[in-house]
Amino acid sequence: MINLTATNDKKILDGLSNKIFGVPFDGGVGYILQLDEEAVGVAKVIVNPDVSTIVSIGVLKEHRRKGYGDFFTRVLLHVLSQVSAYLVVGYKSKYFTQFGFKDSFDEMFMKSKDIVFPSKCQHDK
């Protein structure tokens, strides 16, 4: 089972962040992606009613290319779009344009109400 949960467990957050990004987790609370009982991904977000920012999001190397990162990102975007008027990704990545994000200096942004979730369905091929 795949699960997304918030935690302030510094041991889990630092362990994942070190393995994925090469640095300890910088912050108090992070979101982790769990596959069955194993923590396989971590995200740092800043949340407030006006703007929520995804600072970083990643999945352990051995779990990449399986759709877990996409799932993790989509769930986070959905949750954040229900909380904040605007969404920001604190870095540029073409990946986020599919949801409606636009470039702005060294980050990406959009109004939460404008978010789109394109289908990854392969039935029409």
PDB file of N, CA and C in Angstrom:
ATOM      1  N   MET A   1       0.832  -1.169   0.000  1.00  0.00           N
ATOM      2  CA  MET A   1       0.000   0.000   0.000  1.00  0.00           C
ATOM      3  C   MET A   1       0.885   1.244   0.000  1.00  0.00           C
ATOM      4  N   ILE A   2       0.457   2.272  -0.722  1.00  0.00           N
ATOM      5  CA  ILE A   2       1.173   3.542  -0.772  1.00  0.00           C
ATOM      6  C   ILE A   2       0.475   4.520   0.163  1.00  0.00           C
ATOM      7  N   ASN A   3       1.283   5.230   0.952  1.00  0.00           N
ATOM      8  CA  ASN A   3       0.745   6.146   1.938  1.00  0.00           C
ATOM      9  C   ASN A   3       1.586   7.413   1.983  1.00  0.00           C
ATOM     10  N   LEU A   4       0.932   8.528   2.204  1.00  0.00           N
ATOM     11  CA  LEU A   4       1.601   9.815   2.362  1.00  0.00           C
ATOM     12  C   LEU A   4       1.287  10.325   3.759  1.00  0.00           C
ATOM     13  N   THR A   5       2.326  10.721   4.495  1.00  0.00           N
ATOM     14  CA  THR A   5       2.103  11.187   5.854  1.00  0.00           C
ATOM     15  C   THR A   5       3.090  12.291   6.212  1.00  0.00           C
ATOM     16  N   ALA A   6       2.649  13.184   7.088  1.00  0.00           N
ATOM     17  CA  ALA A   6       3.521  14.232   7.612  1.00  0.00           C
ATOM     18  C   ALA A   6       4.224  13.701   8.854  1.00  0.00           C
ATOM     19  N   THR A   7       5.481  14.106   9.030  1.00  0.00           N
ATOM     20  CA  THR A   7       6.224  13.675  10.205  1.00  0.00           C
ATOM     21  C   THR A   7       7.272  14.723  10.576  1.00  0.00           C
ATOM     22  N   ASN A   8       7.639  14.730  11.858  1.00  0.00           N
ATOM     23  CA  ASN A   8       8.755  15.551  12.310  1.00  0.00           C
ATOM     24  C   ASN A   8       9.871  14.659  12.851  1.00  0.00           C
ATOM     25  N   ASP A   9       9.818  13.364  12.510  1.00  0.00           N
ATOM     26  CA  ASP A   9      10.832  12.413  12.939  1.00  0.00           C
ATOM     27  C   ASP A   9      12.134  12.719  12.195  1.00  0.00           C
ATOM     28  N   LYS A  10      13.033  13.404  12.881  1.00  0.00           N
ATOM     29  CA  LYS A  10      14.278  13.885  12.277  1.00  0.00           C
ATOM     30  C   LYS A  10      15.129  12.741  11.733  1.00  0.00           C
ATOM     31  N   LYS A  11      15.098  11.594  12.374  1.00  0.00           N
ATOM     32  CA  LYS A  11      15.890  10.452  11.914  1.00  0.00           C
ATOM     33  C   LYS A  11      15.410   9.987  10.537  1.00  0.00           C
ATOM     34  N   ILE A  12      14.108   9.853  10.370  1.00  0.00           N
ATOM     35  CA  ILE A  12      13.548   9.434   9.081  1.00  0.00           C
ATOM     36  C   ILE A  12      13.786  10.509   8.018  1.00  0.00           C
ATOM     37  N   LEU A  13      13.485  11.769   8.349  1.00  0.00           N
ATOM     38  CA  LEU A  13      13.629  12.865   7.391  1.00  0.00           C
ATOM     39  C   LEU A  13      15.081  13.043   6.958  1.00  0.00           C
ATOM     40  N   ASP A  14      16.010  13.038   7.911  1.00  0.00           N
ATOM     41  CA  ASP A  14      17.430  13.186   7.568  1.00  0.00           C
ATOM     42  C   ASP A  14      17.927  12.001   6.751  1.00  0.00           C
ATOM     43  N   GLY A  15      17.511  10.793   7.136  1.00  0.00           N
ATOM     44  CA  GLY A  15      17.951   9.600   6.407  1.00  0.00           C
ATOM     45  C   GLY A  15      17.533   9.637   4.946  1.00  0.00           C
ATOM     46  N   LEU A  16      16.259   9.944   4.708  1.00  0.00           N
ATOM     47  CA  LEU A  16      15.771  10.022   3.333  1.00  0.00           C
ATOM     48  C   LEU A  16      16.422  11.161   2.567  1.00  0.00           C
ATOM     49  N   SER A  17      16.476  12.329   3.185  1.00  0.00           N
ATOM     50  CA  SER A  17      17.046  13.492   2.513  1.00  0.00           C
ATOM     51  C   SER A  17      18.512  13.268   2.159  1.00  0.00           C
ATOM     52  N   ASN A  18      19.274  12.670   3.061  1.00  0.00           N
ATOM     53  CA  ASN A  18      20.678  12.369   2.773  1.00  0.00           C
ATOM     54  C   ASN A  18      20.811  11.409   1.597  1.00  0.00           C
ATOM     55  N   LYS A  19      19.988  10.361   1.562  1.00  0.00           N
ATOM     56  CA  LYS A  19      20.056   9.380   0.474  1.00  0.00           C
ATOM     57  C   LYS A  19      19.602   9.967  -0.859  1.00  0.00           C
ATOM     58  N   ILE A  20      18.593  10.832  -0.839  1.00  0.00           N
ATOM     59  CA  ILE A  20      18.018  11.359  -2.082  1.00  0.00           C
ATOM     60  C   ILE A  20      18.748  12.606  -2.569  1.00  0.00           C
ATOM     61  N   PHE A  21      19.002  13.551  -1.671  1.00  0.00           N
ATOM     62  CA  PHE A  21      19.563  14.851  -2.052  1.00  0.00           C
ATOM     63  C   PHE A  21      21.015  15.055  -1.616  1.00  0.00           C
ATOM     64  N   GLY A  22      21.517  14.181  -0.749  1.00  0.00           N
ATOM     65  CA  GLY A  22      22.895  14.312  -0.277  1.00  0.00           C
ATOM     66  C   GLY A  22      23.084  15.322   0.837  1.00  0.00           C
ATOM     67  N   VAL A  23      21.989  15.763   1.442  1.00  0.00           N
ATOM     68  CA  VAL A  23      22.050  16.720   2.554  1.00  0.00           C
ATOM     69  C   VAL A  23      20.977  16.350   3.581  1.00  0.00           C
ATOM     70  N   PRO A  24      21.183  16.726   4.859  1.00  0.00           N
ATOM     71  CA  PRO A  24      20.148  16.478   5.865  1.00  0.00           C
ATOM     72  C   PRO A  24      18.888  17.291   5.567  1.00  0.00           C
ATOM     73  N   PHE A  25      17.779  16.877   6.113  1.00  0.00           N
ATOM     74  CA  PHE A  25      16.511  17.578   5.948  1.00  0.00           C
ATOM     75  C   PHE A  25      16.586  18.917   6.649  1.00  0.00           C
ATOM     76  N   ASP A  26      16.251  19.971   5.934  1.00  0.00           N
ATOM     77  CA  ASP A  26      16.301  21.327   6.472  1.00  0.00           C
ATOM     78  C   ASP A  26      14.881  21.779   6.782  1.00  0.00           C
ATOM     79  N   GLY A  27      14.454  21.581   8.004  1.00  0.00           N
ATOM     80  CA  GLY A  27      13.107  21.973   8.374  1.00  0.00           C
ATOM     81  C   GLY A  27      12.594  21.135   9.520  1.00  0.00           C
ATOM     82  N   GLY A  28      11.385  21.431   9.929  1.00  0.00           N
ATOM     83  CA  GLY A  28      10.803  20.736  11.058  1.00  0.00           C
ATOM     84  C   GLY A  28       9.917  19.573  10.661  1.00  0.00           C
ATOM     85  N   VAL A  29       8.943  19.833   9.785  1.00  0.00           N
ATOM     86  CA  VAL A  29       7.997  18.805   9.374  1.00  0.00           C
ATOM     87  C   VAL A  29       8.153  18.559   7.877  1.00  0.00           C
ATOM     88  N   GLY A  30       8.129  17.301   7.507  1.00  0.00           N
ATOM     89  CA  GLY A  30       8.198  16.923   6.100  1.00  0.00           C
ATOM     90  C   GLY A  30       7.143  15.884   5.800  1.00  0.00           C
ATOM     91  N   TYR A  31       6.898  15.677   4.527  1.00  0.00           N
ATOM     92  CA  TYR A  31       5.998  14.611   4.103  1.00  0.00           C
ATOM     93  C   TYR A  31       6.837  13.445   3.632  1.00  0.00           C
ATOM     94  N   ILE A  32       6.428  12.247   4.005  1.00  0.00           N
ATOM     95  CA  ILE A  32       7.120  11.060   3.517  1.00  0.00           C
ATOM     96  C   ILE A  32       6.149  10.193   2.736  1.00  0.00           C
ATOM     97  N   LEU A  33       6.686   9.537   1.735  1.00  0.00           N
ATOM     98  CA  LEU A  33       5.945   8.569   0.940  1.00  0.00           C
ATOM     99  C   LEU A  33       6.359   7.202   1.434  1.00  0.00           C
ATOM    100  N   GLN A  34       5.368   6.402   1.812  1.00  0.00           N
ATOM    101  CA  GLN A  34       5.643   5.059   2.295  1.00  0.00           C
ATOM    102  C   GLN A  34       5.083   4.043   1.319  1.00  0.00           C
ATOM    103  N   LEU A  35       5.885   3.044   1.039  1.00  0.00           N
ATOM    104  CA  LEU A  35       5.484   1.905   0.221  1.00  0.00           C
ATOM    105  C   LEU A  35       5.443   0.720   1.171  1.00  0.00           C
ATOM    106  N   ASP A  36       4.232   0.244   1.432  1.00  0.00           N
ATOM    107  CA  ASP A  36       4.009  -0.725   2.505  1.00  0.00           C
ATOM    108  C   ASP A  36       4.519  -0.076   3.798  1.00  0.00           C
ATOM    109  N   GLU A  37       5.515  -0.613   4.447  1.00  0.00           N
ATOM    110  CA  GLU A  37       6.018  -0.026   5.697  1.00  0.00           C
ATOM    111  C   GLU A  37       7.325   0.739   5.498  1.00  0.00           C
ATOM    112  N   GLU A  38       7.825   0.797   4.255  1.00  0.00           N
ATOM    113  CA  GLU A  38       9.112   1.426   3.979  1.00  0.00           C
ATOM    114  C   GLU A  38       8.952   2.869   3.512  1.00  0.00           C
ATOM    115  N   ALA A  39       9.691   3.780   4.134  1.00  0.00           N
ATOM    116  CA  ALA A  39       9.713   5.182   3.700  1.00  0.00           C
ATOM    117  C   ALA A  39      10.604   5.264   2.468  1.00  0.00           C
ATOM    118  N   VAL A  40      10.029   5.712   1.332  1.00  0.00           N
ATOM    119  CA  VAL A  40      10.767   5.721   0.067  1.00  0.00           C
ATOM    120  C   VAL A  40      10.894   7.108  -0.557  1.00  0.00           C
ATOM    121  N   GLY A  41      10.220   8.109   0.008  1.00  0.00           N
ATOM    122  CA  GLY A  41      10.287   9.454  -0.550  1.00  0.00           C
ATOM    123  C   GLY A  41      10.103  10.503   0.522  1.00  0.00           C
ATOM    124  N   VAL A  42      10.579  11.722   0.218  1.00  0.00           N
ATOM    125  CA  VAL A  42      10.468  12.822   1.167  1.00  0.00           C
ATOM    126  C   VAL A  42      10.200  14.118   0.418  1.00  0.00           C
ATOM    127  N   ALA A  43       9.404  14.985   1.031  1.00  0.00           N
ATOM    128  CA  ALA A  43       9.125  16.308   0.468  1.00  0.00           C
ATOM    129  C   ALA A  43       9.177  17.343   1.571  1.00  0.00           C
ATOM    130  N   LYS A  44       9.760  18.487   1.222  1.00  0.00           N
ATOM    131  CA  LYS A  44       9.724  19.636   2.117  1.00  0.00           C
ATOM    132  C   LYS A  44       8.777  20.644   1.493  1.00  0.00           C
ATOM    133  N   VAL A  45       7.788  21.065   2.261  1.00  0.00           N
ATOM    134  CA  VAL A  45       6.821  22.057   1.791  1.00  0.00           C
ATOM    135  C   VAL A  45       6.652  23.137   2.849  1.00  0.00           C
ATOM    136  N   ILE A  46       6.317  24.325   2.369  1.00  0.00           N
ATOM    137  CA  ILE A  46       5.964  25.433   3.250  1.00  0.00           C
ATOM    138  C   ILE A  46       4.513  25.762   2.944  1.00  0.00           C
ATOM    139  N   VAL A  47       3.650  25.695   3.952  1.00  0.00           N
ATOM    140  CA  VAL A  47       2.214  25.829   3.738  1.00  0.00           C
ATOM    141  C   VAL A  47       1.662  27.024   4.500  1.00  0.00           C
ATOM    142  N   ASN A  48       0.887  27.844   3.793  1.00  0.00           N
ATOM    143  CA  ASN A  48       0.087  28.878   4.432  1.00  0.00           C
ATOM    144  C   ASN A  48      -1.104  29.180   3.532  1.00  0.00           C
ATOM    145  N   PRO A  49      -2.115  29.871   4.012  1.00  0.00           N
ATOM    146  CA  PRO A  49      -3.338  30.073   3.232  1.00  0.00           C
ATOM    147  C   PRO A  49      -3.151  30.831   1.914  1.00  0.00           C
ATOM    148  N   ASP A  50      -2.150  31.701   1.847  1.00  0.00           N
ATOM    149  CA  ASP A  50      -1.933  32.460   0.614  1.00  0.00           C
ATOM    150  C   ASP A  50      -1.124  31.676  -0.410  1.00  0.00           C
ATOM    151  N   VAL A  51       0.012  31.140   0.029  1.00  0.00           N
ATOM    152  CA  VAL A  51       0.933  30.452  -0.885  1.00  0.00           C
ATOM    153  C   VAL A  51       1.511  29.218  -0.206  1.00  0.00           C
ATOM    154  N   SER A  52       1.479  28.107  -0.928  1.00  0.00           N
ATOM    155  CA  SER A  52       2.191  26.910  -0.478  1.00  0.00           C
ATOM    156  C   SER A  52       3.311  26.636  -1.470  1.00  0.00           C
ATOM    157  N   THR A  53       4.474  26.270  -0.926  1.00  0.00           N
ATOM    158  CA  THR A  53       5.656  26.052  -1.758  1.00  0.00           C
ATOM    159  C   THR A  53       6.194  24.646  -1.576  1.00  0.00           C
ATOM    160  N   ILE A  54       6.432  23.969  -2.700  1.00  0.00           N
ATOM    161  CA  ILE A  54       7.182  22.712  -2.670  1.00  0.00           C
ATOM    162  C   ILE A  54       8.643  23.106  -2.798  1.00  0.00           C
ATOM    163  N   VAL A  55       9.383  22.900  -1.720  1.00  0.00           N
ATOM    164  CA  VAL A  55      10.797  23.249  -1.692  1.00  0.00           C
ATOM    165  C   VAL A  55      11.615  22.134  -2.342  1.00  0.00           C
ATOM    166  N   SER A  56      11.285  20.905  -2.006  1.00  0.00           N
ATOM    167  CA  SER A  56      11.969  19.745  -2.590  1.00  0.00           C
ATOM    168  C   SER A  56      11.059  18.528  -2.480  1.00  0.00           C
ATOM    169  N   ILE A  57      11.231  17.621  -3.422  1.00  0.00           N
ATOM    170  CA  ILE A  57      10.486  16.360  -3.406  1.00  0.00           C
ATOM    171  C   ILE A  57      11.324  15.329  -4.145  1.00  0.00           C
ATOM    172  N   GLY A  58      11.440  14.144  -3.558  1.00  0.00           N
ATOM    173  CA  GLY A  58      12.253  13.112  -4.197  1.00  0.00           C
ATOM    174  C   GLY A  58      11.941  11.728  -3.682  1.00  0.00           C
ATOM    175  N   VAL A  59      12.375  10.737  -4.456  1.00  0.00           N
ATOM    176  CA  VAL A  59      12.156   9.318  -4.148  1.00  0.00           C
ATOM    177  C   VAL A  59      13.509   8.617  -4.200  1.00  0.00           C
ATOM    178  N   LEU A  60      13.699   7.640  -3.339  1.00  0.00           N
ATOM    179  CA  LEU A  60      14.938   6.864  -3.336  1.00  0.00           C
ATOM    180  C   LEU A  60      15.221   6.297  -4.728  1.00  0.00           C
ATOM    181  N   LYS A  61      16.481   6.271  -5.077  1.00  0.00           N
ATOM    182  CA  LYS A  61      16.905   5.857  -6.420  1.00  0.00           C
ATOM    183  C   LYS A  61      16.330   4.502  -6.837  1.00  0.00           C
ATOM    184  N   GLU A  62      16.327   3.554  -5.932  1.00  0.00           N
ATOM    185  CA  GLU A  62      15.852   2.203  -6.272  1.00  0.00           C
ATOM    186  C   GLU A  62      14.333   2.135  -6.495  1.00  0.00           C
ATOM    187  N   HIS A  63      13.624   3.204  -6.183  1.00  0.00           N
ATOM    188  CA  HIS A  63      12.165   3.236  -6.370  1.00  0.00           C
ATOM    189  C   HIS A  63      11.740   4.207  -7.472  1.00  0.00           C
ATOM    190  N   ARG A  64      12.703   4.738  -8.204  1.00  0.00           N
ATOM    191  CA  ARG A  64      12.382   5.658  -9.298  1.00  0.00           C
ATOM    192  C   ARG A  64      11.955   4.890 -10.538  1.00  0.00           C
ATOM    193  N   ARG A  65      11.289   5.595 -11.436  1.00  0.00           N
ATOM    194  CA  ARG A  65      10.818   5.049 -12.718  1.00  0.00           C
ATOM    195  C   ARG A  65       9.711   4.000 -12.535  1.00  0.00           C
ATOM    196  N   LYS A  66       9.001   4.106 -11.418  1.00  0.00           N
ATOM    197  CA  LYS A  66       7.901   3.184 -11.136  1.00  0.00           C
ATOM    198  C   LYS A  66       6.592   3.930 -10.909  1.00  0.00           C
ATOM    199  N   GLY A  67       6.613   5.262 -11.054  1.00  0.00           N
ATOM    200  CA  GLY A  67       5.420   6.076 -10.883  1.00  0.00           C
ATOM    201  C   GLY A  67       5.205   6.610  -9.480  1.00  0.00           C
ATOM    202  N   TYR A  68       6.065   6.239  -8.537  1.00  0.00           N
ATOM    203  CA  TYR A  68       5.886   6.682  -7.158  1.00  0.00           C
ATOM    204  C   TYR A  68       6.104   8.190  -7.004  1.00  0.00           C
ATOM    205  N   GLY A  69       7.103   8.724  -7.675  1.00  0.00           N
ATOM    206  CA  GLY A  69       7.363  10.162  -7.603  1.00  0.00           C
ATOM    207  C   GLY A  69       6.218  10.968  -8.184  1.00  0.00           C
ATOM    208  N   ASP A  70       5.665  10.498  -9.298  1.00  0.00           N
ATOM    209  CA  ASP A  70       4.520  11.179  -9.904  1.00  0.00           C
ATOM    210  C   ASP A  70       3.309  11.137  -8.973  1.00  0.00           C
ATOM    211  N   PHE A  71       3.060   9.980  -8.380  1.00  0.00           N
ATOM    212  CA  PHE A  71       1.960   9.839  -7.421  1.00  0.00           C
ATOM    213  C   PHE A  71       2.155  10.787  -6.242  1.00  0.00           C
ATOM    214  N   PHE A  72       3.351  10.787  -5.679  1.00  0.00           N
ATOM    215  CA  PHE A  72       3.702  11.631  -4.531  1.00  0.00           C
ATOM    216  C   PHE A  72       3.443  13.099  -4.869  1.00  0.00           C
ATOM    217  N   THR A  73       3.925  13.527  -6.019  1.00  0.00           N
ATOM    218  CA  THR A  73       3.770  14.916  -6.443  1.00  0.00           C
ATOM    219  C   THR A  73       2.308  15.277  -6.647  1.00  0.00           C
ATOM    220  N   ARG A  74       1.549  14.433  -7.326  1.00  0.00           N
ATOM    221  CA  ARG A  74       0.137  14.711  -7.590  1.00  0.00           C
ATOM    222  C   ARG A  74      -0.671  14.818  -6.294  1.00  0.00           C
ATOM    223  N   VAL A  75      -0.414  13.928  -5.351  1.00  0.00           N
ATOM    224  CA  VAL A  75      -1.139  13.983  -4.076  1.00  0.00           C
ATOM    225  C   VAL A  75      -0.786  15.268  -3.332  1.00  0.00           C
ATOM    226  N   LEU A  76       0.494  15.612  -3.279  1.00  0.00           N
ATOM    227  CA  LEU A  76       0.893  16.852  -2.611  1.00  0.00           C
ATOM    228  C   LEU A  76       0.252  18.069  -3.273  1.00  0.00           C
ATOM    229  N   LEU A  77       0.282  18.121  -4.598  1.00  0.00           N
ATOM    230  CA  LEU A  77      -0.324  19.251  -5.303  1.00  0.00           C
ATOM    231  C   LEU A  77      -1.820  19.343  -5.016  1.00  0.00           C
ATOM    232  N   HIS A  78      -2.487  18.208  -5.007  1.00  0.00           N
ATOM    233  CA  HIS A  78      -3.930  18.207  -4.713  1.00  0.00           C
ATOM    234  C   HIS A  78      -4.192  18.757  -3.311  1.00  0.00           C
ATOM    235  N   VAL A  79      -3.462  18.258  -2.332  1.00  0.00           N
ATOM    236  CA  VAL A  79      -3.649  18.704  -0.952  1.00  0.00           C
ATOM    237  C   VAL A  79      -3.349  20.191  -0.828  1.00  0.00           C
ATOM    238  N   LEU A  80      -2.228  20.624  -1.372  1.00  0.00           N
ATOM    239  CA  LEU A  80      -1.840  22.034  -1.259  1.00  0.00           C
ATOM    240  C   LEU A  80      -2.805  22.951  -1.993  1.00  0.00           C
ATOM    241  N   SER A  81      -3.361  22.490  -3.101  1.00  0.00           N
ATOM    242  CA  SER A  81      -4.309  23.324  -3.857  1.00  0.00           C
ATOM    243  C   SER A  81      -5.614  23.524  -3.093  1.00  0.00           C
ATOM    244  N   GLN A  82      -5.905  22.658  -2.135  1.00  0.00           N
ATOM    245  CA  GLN A  82      -7.105  22.794  -1.307  1.00  0.00           C
ATOM    246  C   GLN A  82      -6.880  23.749  -0.135  1.00  0.00           C
ATOM    247  N   VAL A  83      -5.619  24.063   0.153  1.00  0.00           N
ATOM    248  CA  VAL A  83      -5.254  24.868   1.316  1.00  0.00           C
ATOM    249  C   VAL A  83      -4.901  26.308   0.961  1.00  0.00           C
ATOM    250  N   SER A  84      -4.214  26.499  -0.173  1.00  0.00           N
ATOM    251  CA  SER A  84      -3.636  27.800  -0.506  1.00  0.00           C
ATOM    252  C   SER A  84      -4.165  28.350  -1.826  1.00  0.00           C
ATOM    253  N   ALA A  85      -4.195  29.669  -1.928  1.00  0.00           N
ATOM    254  CA  ALA A  85      -4.653  30.335  -3.153  1.00  0.00           C
ATOM    255  C   ALA A  85      -3.651  30.176  -4.295  1.00  0.00           C
ATOM    256  N   TYR A  86      -2.362  30.135  -3.967  1.00  0.00           N
ATOM    257  CA  TYR A  86      -1.311  30.000  -4.968  1.00  0.00           C
ATOM    258  C   TYR A  86      -0.386  28.847  -4.613  1.00  0.00           C
ATOM    259  N   LEU A  87       0.195  28.244  -5.642  1.00  0.00           N
ATOM    260  CA  LEU A  87       1.174  27.180  -5.462  1.00  0.00           C
ATOM    261  C   LEU A  87       2.483  27.612  -6.102  1.00  0.00           C
ATOM    262  N   VAL A  88       3.579  27.270  -5.444  1.00  0.00           N
ATOM    263  CA  VAL A  88       4.909  27.583  -5.945  1.00  0.00           C
ATOM    264  C   VAL A  88       5.764  26.327  -5.859  1.00  0.00           C
ATOM    265  N   VAL A  89       6.585  26.126  -6.876  1.00  0.00           N
ATOM    266  CA  VAL A  89       7.633  25.112  -6.831  1.00  0.00           C
ATOM    267  C   VAL A  89       8.924  25.910  -6.752  1.00  0.00           C
ATOM    268  N   GLY A  90       9.719  25.663  -5.753  1.00  0.00           N
ATOM    269  CA  GLY A  90      10.894  26.470  -5.470  1.00  0.00           C
ATOM    270  C   GLY A  90      12.072  26.269  -6.400  1.00  0.00           C
ATOM    271  N   TYR A  91      11.857  25.631  -7.523  1.00  0.00           N
ATOM    272  CA  TYR A  91      12.891  25.407  -8.533  1.00  0.00           C
ATOM    273  C   TYR A  91      12.181  25.212  -9.867  1.00  0.00           C
ATOM    274  N   LYS A  92      12.924  25.233 -10.946  1.00  0.00           N
ATOM    275  CA  LYS A  92      12.319  25.036 -12.265  1.00  0.00           C
ATOM    276  C   LYS A  92      12.453  23.586 -12.703  1.00  0.00           C
ATOM    277  N   SER A  93      11.351  23.054 -13.221  1.00  0.00           N
ATOM    278  CA  SER A  93      11.330  21.703 -13.772  1.00  0.00           C
ATOM    279  C   SER A  93      10.201  21.631 -14.795  1.00  0.00           C
ATOM    280  N   LYS A  94      10.542  21.216 -15.995  1.00  0.00           N
ATOM    281  CA  LYS A  94       9.539  21.103 -17.057  1.00  0.00           C
ATOM    282  C   LYS A  94       8.374  20.195 -16.635  1.00  0.00           C
ATOM    283  N   TYR A  95       8.642  19.239 -15.783  1.00  0.00           N
ATOM    284  CA  TYR A  95       7.623  18.311 -15.285  1.00  0.00           C
ATOM    285  C   TYR A  95       6.377  19.048 -14.783  1.00  0.00           C
ATOM    286  N   PHE A  96       6.567  20.155 -14.084  1.00  0.00           N
ATOM    287  CA  PHE A  96       5.445  20.854 -13.456  1.00  0.00           C
ATOM    288  C   PHE A  96       4.588  21.647 -14.447  1.00  0.00           C
ATOM    289  N   THR A  97       5.059  21.854 -15.660  1.00  0.00           N
ATOM    290  CA  THR A  97       4.255  22.591 -16.646  1.00  0.00           C
ATOM    291  C   THR A  97       2.984  21.827 -17.010  1.00  0.00           C
ATOM    292  N   GLN A  98       3.000  20.506 -16.926  1.00  0.00           N
ATOM    293  CA  GLN A  98       1.806  19.716 -17.251  1.00  0.00           C
ATOM    294  C   GLN A  98       0.631  20.001 -16.308  1.00  0.00           C
ATOM    295  N   PHE A  99       0.929  20.543 -15.134  1.00  0.00           N
ATOM    296  CA  PHE A  99      -0.118  20.876 -14.172  1.00  0.00           C
ATOM    297  C   PHE A  99      -0.577  22.328 -14.292  1.00  0.00           C
ATOM    298  N   GLY A 100       0.144  23.118 -15.114  1.00  0.00           N
ATOM    299  CA  GLY A 100      -0.212  24.511 -15.318  1.00  0.00           C
ATOM    300  C   GLY A 100       0.762  25.512 -14.728  1.00  0.00           C
ATOM    301  N   PHE A 101       1.872  25.044 -14.157  1.00  0.00           N
ATOM    302  CA  PHE A 101       2.849  25.955 -13.587  1.00  0.00           C
ATOM    303  C   PHE A 101       3.557  26.751 -14.673  1.00  0.00           C
ATOM    304  N   LYS A 102       3.872  28.005 -14.359  1.00  0.00           N
ATOM    305  CA  LYS A 102       4.599  28.909 -15.241  1.00  0.00           C
ATOM    306  C   LYS A 102       5.914  29.315 -14.577  1.00  0.00           C
ATOM    307  N   ASP A 103       6.923  29.571 -15.411  1.00  0.00           N
ATOM    308  CA  ASP A 103       8.216  30.033 -14.899  1.00  0.00           C
ATOM    309  C   ASP A 103       8.122  31.446 -14.356  1.00  0.00           C
ATOM    310  N   SER A 104       8.831  31.674 -13.271  1.00  0.00           N
ATOM    311  CA  SER A 104       8.963  33.002 -12.691  1.00  0.00           C
ATOM    312  C   SER A 104      10.321  33.079 -12.006  1.00  0.00           C
ATOM    313  N   PHE A 105      11.276  33.746 -12.639  1.00  0.00           N
ATOM    314  CA  PHE A 105      12.636  33.847 -12.123  1.00  0.00           C
ATOM    315  C   PHE A 105      13.211  32.455 -11.895  1.00  0.00           C
ATOM    316  N   ASP A 106      13.520  32.088 -10.662  1.00  0.00           N
ATOM    317  CA  ASP A 106      14.130  30.779 -10.403  1.00  0.00           C
ATOM    318  C   ASP A 106      13.155  29.777  -9.791  1.00  0.00           C
ATOM    319  N   GLU A 107      11.843  30.032  -9.951  1.00  0.00           N
ATOM    320  CA  GLU A 107      10.820  29.124  -9.434  1.00  0.00           C
ATOM    321  C   GLU A 107       9.658  29.060 -10.411  1.00  0.00           C
ATOM    322  N   MET A 108       8.619  28.328 -10.037  1.00  0.00           N
ATOM    323  CA  MET A 108       7.420  28.191 -10.862  1.00  0.00           C
ATOM    324  C   MET A 108       6.204  28.480  -9.990  1.00  0.00           C
ATOM    325  N   PHE A 109       5.128  28.998 -10.597  1.00  0.00           N
ATOM    326  CA  PHE A 109       3.957  29.355  -9.806  1.00  0.00           C
ATOM    327  C   PHE A 109       2.677  29.132 -10.603  1.00  0.00           C
ATOM    328  N   MET A 110       1.549  29.152  -9.866  1.00  0.00           N
ATOM    329  CA  MET A 110       0.225  29.104 -10.471  1.00  0.00           C
ATOM    330  C   MET A 110      -0.836  29.373  -9.410  1.00  0.00           C
ATOM    331  N   LYS A 111      -2.030  29.751  -9.875  1.00  0.00           N
ATOM    332  CA  LYS A 111      -3.176  29.845  -8.973  1.00  0.00           C
ATOM    333  C   LYS A 111      -3.681  28.435  -8.725  1.00  0.00           C
ATOM    334  N   SER A 112      -4.003  28.136  -7.492  1.00  0.00           N
ATOM    335  CA  SER A 112      -4.479  26.789  -7.145  1.00  0.00           C
ATOM    336  C   SER A 112      -5.717  26.390  -7.928  1.00  0.00           C
ATOM    337  N   LYS A 113      -6.604  27.348  -8.162  1.00  0.00           N
ATOM    338  CA  LYS A 113      -7.850  27.021  -8.870  1.00  0.00           C
ATOM    339  C   LYS A 113      -7.617  26.632 -10.318  1.00  0.00           C
ATOM    340  N   ASP A 114      -6.421  26.928 -10.864  1.00  0.00           N
ATOM    341  CA  ASP A 114      -6.117  26.634 -12.265  1.00  0.00           C
ATOM    342  C   ASP A 114      -5.373  25.318 -12.474  1.00  0.00           C
ATOM    343  N   ILE A 115      -5.117  24.592 -11.399  1.00  0.00           N
ATOM    344  CA  ILE A 115      -4.344  23.356 -11.535  1.00  0.00           C
ATOM    345  C   ILE A 115      -5.104  22.329 -12.380  1.00  0.00           C
ATOM    346  N   VAL A 116      -4.366  21.598 -13.198  1.00  0.00           N
ATOM    347  CA  VAL A 116      -4.924  20.508 -13.988  1.00  0.00           C
ATOM    348  C   VAL A 116      -4.135  19.242 -13.667  1.00  0.00           C
ATOM    349  N   PHE A 117      -4.810  18.127 -13.726  1.00  0.00           N
ATOM    350  CA  PHE A 117      -4.168  16.843 -13.482  1.00  0.00           C
ATOM    351  C   PHE A 117      -4.325  15.977 -14.724  1.00  0.00           C
ATOM    352  N   PRO A 118      -3.349  16.057 -15.650  1.00  0.00           N
ATOM    353  CA  PRO A 118      -3.453  15.279 -16.879  1.00  0.00           C
ATOM    354  C   PRO A 118      -3.402  13.783 -16.593  1.00  0.00           C
ATOM    355  N   SER A 119      -4.128  13.033 -17.386  1.00  0.00           N
ATOM    356  CA  SER A 119      -4.194  11.579 -17.226  1.00  0.00           C
ATOM    357  C   SER A 119      -2.916  10.931 -17.711  1.00  0.00           C
ATOM    358  N   LYS A 120      -2.492   9.915 -17.021  1.00  0.00           N
ATOM    359  CA  LYS A 120      -1.360   9.107 -17.444  1.00  0.00           C
ATOM    360  C   LYS A 120      -1.856   7.795 -18.042  1.00  0.00           C
ATOM    361  N   CYS A 121      -3.155   7.725 -18.288  1.00  0.00           N
ATOM    362  CA  CYS A 121      -3.791   6.526 -18.806  1.00  0.00           C
ATOM    363  C   CYS A 121      -3.222   6.180 -20.185  1.00  0.00           C
ATOM    364  N   GLN A 122      -2.958   4.927 -20.413  1.00  0.00           N
ATOM    365  CA  GLN A 122      -2.402   4.477 -21.677  1.00  0.00           C
ATOM    366  C   GLN A 122      -3.421   3.703 -22.518  1.00  0.00           C
ATOM    367  N   HIS A 123      -4.707   3.787 -22.171  1.00  0.00           N
ATOM    368  CA  HIS A 123      -5.728   2.990 -22.843  1.00  0.00           C
ATOM    369  C   HIS A 123      -5.934   3.360 -24.304  1.00  0.00           C
ATOM    370  N   ASP A 124      -5.648   4.599 -24.682  1.00  0.00           N
ATOM    371  CA  ASP A 124      -5.916   5.019 -26.047  1.00  0.00           C
ATOM    372  C   ASP A 124      -4.750   4.748 -26.993  1.00  0.00           C
ATOM    373  N   LYS A 125      -3.730   4.084 -26.524  1.00  0.00           N
ATOM    374  CA  LYS A 125      -2.571   3.785 -27.380  1.00  0.00           C
ATOM    375  C   LYS A 125      -2.608   2.383 -27.886  1.00  0.00           C
TER     376      LYS A 125
END
